Amino acid sequence: MADDGSKQSATIWPLPKFYFKVKWDDKELSFQEVSGLETETQVIEYRHGNSPVFSTIKMPGIAKTGNVTMKKGVFTGDNNFWDWYSQIKMNTIKRKTVVVSLCDEDGKPQMTWTLSNCWPTKITGTDLKSDANEVAIETIEIAHEGITIAT
C-alpha cells in the first residue's frame, strides 16, 4: 500500500527559506533576499607559564555580529532607505529594531531573528544595463548591536 504522507511527522523536514517577513518600526517590508544573520564569539588563547601542557587553552571572548544585507526591488517614490541613511550625523542616527521571521505555509513565524539598535551602514543602488531584462534591485546593509533568535 502506498504511503499518502498522513503519518509523516511535521518535524522531519526542514523549513524552506523562501517565505519570510521583515518588520521594522511598525511596517512590514518586502525583500527579495536577507543575508548575514550571524553571530560569532572571538577566541582568547591563554597559557600560564608553569602549565605542564605545552599548548594554549581557548576561552570565549567578545561576541561580535556581522552586518545584515537586505535586497529589494526599486519602486517609484520609495526612498525609505535613503531617507534613513541621510539622517546619519555624528552618531545621531535613529536606531531601529528589525525582526526577520521565517514562516510556515500559513504565514506563521517559525523562527525569528530580532536585531537590536540597527542603523544603515551602506546602501547600494541598482546597476543599470541597457540590454538587461531584470528587475532593478537596491541593497541596504545594516549594522546592529545584537541578535536574538527565537523559535
Protein backbone atom coordinates (compact mmCIF):
# COMPACT_ATOMS: atom_id res chain seq x y z
CA MET A 1 0.00 0.00 0.00
CA ALA A 2 1.35 3.43 -0.94
CA ASP A 3 2.22 5.97 1.75
CA ASP A 4 -0.09 9.00 1.47
CA GLY A 5 2.02 11.11 3.87
CA SER A 6 -0.65 11.32 6.57
CA LYS A 7 1.55 9.56 9.14
CA GLN A 8 4.56 11.70 8.40
CA SER A 9 5.94 13.82 11.23
CA ALA A 10 5.91 17.60 10.80
CA THR A 11 9.39 17.79 12.34
CA ILE A 12 11.07 15.57 9.72
CA TRP A 13 11.52 18.24 7.06
CA PRO A 14 13.45 21.49 7.47
CA LEU A 15 11.67 24.75 6.73
CA PRO A 16 12.04 26.18 3.24
CA LYS A 17 13.78 29.56 3.23
CA PHE A 18 11.68 31.37 0.61
CA TYR A 19 8.78 32.54 2.82
CA PHE A 20 9.97 35.21 5.24
CA LYS A 21 8.85 38.57 6.60
CA VAL A 22 10.88 41.61 7.64
CA LYS A 23 9.48 44.21 10.05
CA TRP A 24 10.99 47.40 11.32
CA ASP A 25 9.17 50.05 13.23
CA ASP A 26 5.52 49.17 12.60
CA LYS A 27 5.99 48.41 8.91
CA GLU A 28 6.38 45.10 7.13
CA LEU A 29 8.68 45.43 4.13
CA SER A 30 9.08 43.05 1.20
CA PHE A 31 12.60 41.87 0.45
CA GLN A 32 13.98 39.52 -2.15
CA GLU A 33 16.90 38.40 -0.02
CA VAL A 34 18.22 38.68 3.55
CA SER A 35 21.73 37.51 4.40
CA GLY A 36 24.24 37.87 7.23
CA LEU A 37 22.13 36.66 10.16
CA GLU A 38 25.20 35.58 12.08
CA THR A 39 26.96 35.97 15.37
CA GLU A 40 30.40 34.89 16.45
CA THR A 41 32.45 34.79 19.64
CA GLN A 42 36.11 35.66 19.37
CA VAL A 43 38.61 33.22 20.82
CA ILE A 44 41.04 34.18 23.57
CA GLU A 45 44.10 31.96 23.77
CA TYR A 46 45.90 31.77 27.10
CA ARG A 47 48.71 29.77 28.63
CA HIS A 48 50.24 30.35 32.04
CA GLY A 49 53.98 29.95 32.35
CA ASN A 50 54.06 26.92 34.63
CA SER A 51 51.49 24.90 32.68
CA PRO A 52 52.68 21.30 32.17
CA VAL A 53 50.83 21.24 28.84
CA PHE A 54 52.76 22.97 26.06
CA SER A 55 49.73 24.46 24.35
CA THR A 56 47.24 27.21 24.98
CA ILE A 57 43.73 26.89 26.31
CA LYS A 58 40.93 28.60 24.43
CA MET A 59 38.30 30.71 26.15
CA PRO A 60 35.29 32.62 24.80
CA GLY A 61 35.90 36.33 24.36
CA ILE A 62 33.94 39.23 22.95
CA ALA A 63 30.89 38.38 20.87
CA LYS A 64 30.55 40.14 17.56
CA THR A 65 27.86 40.26 14.92
CA GLY A 66 28.16 40.76 11.20
CA ASN A 67 26.20 43.29 9.19
CA VAL A 68 22.93 42.12 7.68
CA THR A 69 22.36 42.70 3.97
CA MET A 70 18.86 43.04 2.52
CA LYS A 71 17.86 43.32 -1.14
CA LYS A 72 14.58 44.53 -2.57
CA GLY A 73 13.08 45.84 -5.75
CA VAL A 74 13.19 49.55 -6.60
CA PHE A 75 9.75 51.20 -6.61
CA THR A 76 8.75 54.68 -7.78
CA GLY A 77 8.60 57.12 -4.86
CA ASP A 78 10.11 54.68 -2.35
CA ASN A 79 13.03 56.50 -0.72
CA ASN A 80 12.82 54.92 2.76
CA PHE A 81 16.39 53.61 2.71
CA TRP A 82 17.86 56.91 1.52
CA ASP A 83 15.78 58.93 4.00
CA TRP A 84 17.01 56.77 6.88
CA TYR A 85 20.62 56.84 5.66
CA SER A 86 20.61 60.64 5.26
CA GLN A 87 19.88 61.02 8.99
CA ILE A 88 23.42 59.95 9.90
CA LYS A 89 25.04 62.96 11.54
CA MET A 90 27.78 62.46 14.15
CA ASN A 91 26.23 59.35 15.74
CA THR A 92 22.72 60.80 15.98
CA ILE A 93 21.00 58.32 13.66
CA LYS A 94 17.65 56.93 14.75
CA ARG A 95 18.26 53.28 15.55
CA LYS A 96 15.56 50.70 14.89
CA THR A 97 14.69 47.15 15.82
CA VAL A 98 14.46 44.85 12.81
CA VAL A 99 12.67 41.50 13.03
CA VAL A 100 13.17 38.79 10.40
CA SER A 101 10.75 35.85 10.56
CA LEU A 102 10.92 32.57 8.68
CA CYS A 103 7.31 31.45 8.15
CA ASP A 104 5.45 28.23 7.55
CA GLU A 105 2.97 27.81 4.71
CA ASP A 106 0.24 29.56 6.75
CA GLY A 107 2.43 32.64 7.26
CA LYS A 108 3.04 31.96 10.95
CA PRO A 109 6.58 32.70 12.17
CA GLN A 110 8.51 29.51 12.96
CA MET A 111 11.89 31.12 13.61
CA THR A 112 12.56 34.77 14.38
CA TRP A 113 15.76 36.83 14.39
CA THR A 114 15.50 40.15 16.27
CA LEU A 115 18.24 42.66 15.54
CA SER A 116 18.64 45.47 18.08
CA ASN A 117 19.79 49.06 17.59
CA CYS A 118 20.07 48.82 13.79
CA TRP A 119 21.28 51.60 11.54
CA PRO A 120 22.20 51.69 7.83
CA THR A 121 25.88 51.49 7.10
CA LYS A 122 25.74 51.10 3.32
CA ILE A 123 23.21 51.50 0.54
CA THR A 124 23.80 50.28 -2.99
CA GLY A 125 21.54 51.41 -5.79
CA THR A 126 20.75 49.19 -8.73
CA ASP A 127 23.13 48.63 -11.59
CA LEU A 128 21.90 49.90 -14.93
CA LYS A 129 22.27 48.00 -18.20
CA SER A 130 20.63 48.94 -21.47
CA ASP A 131 20.33 45.33 -22.65
CA ALA A 132 19.21 43.74 -19.36
CA ASN A 133 15.87 42.10 -18.77
CA GLU A 134 15.87 42.22 -14.97
CA VAL A 135 14.18 43.96 -12.09
CA ALA A 136 16.01 46.93 -10.52
CA ILE A 137 17.32 45.84 -7.10
CA GLU A 138 18.67 48.04 -4.31
CA THR A 139 20.65 46.80 -1.33
CA ILE A 140 20.88 48.05 2.24
CA GLU A 141 23.48 46.87 4.73
CA ILE A 142 22.61 47.44 8.35
CA ALA A 143 24.82 47.28 11.42
CA HIS A 144 23.31 46.11 14.69
CA GLU A 145 24.32 45.57 18.29
CA GLY A 146 22.95 42.12 18.92
CA ILE A 147 20.83 39.32 17.56
CA THR A 148 18.24 37.26 19.43
CA ILE A 149 16.91 34.05 17.92
CA ALA A 150 13.54 32.59 18.92
CA THR A 151 11.70 29.53 17.67
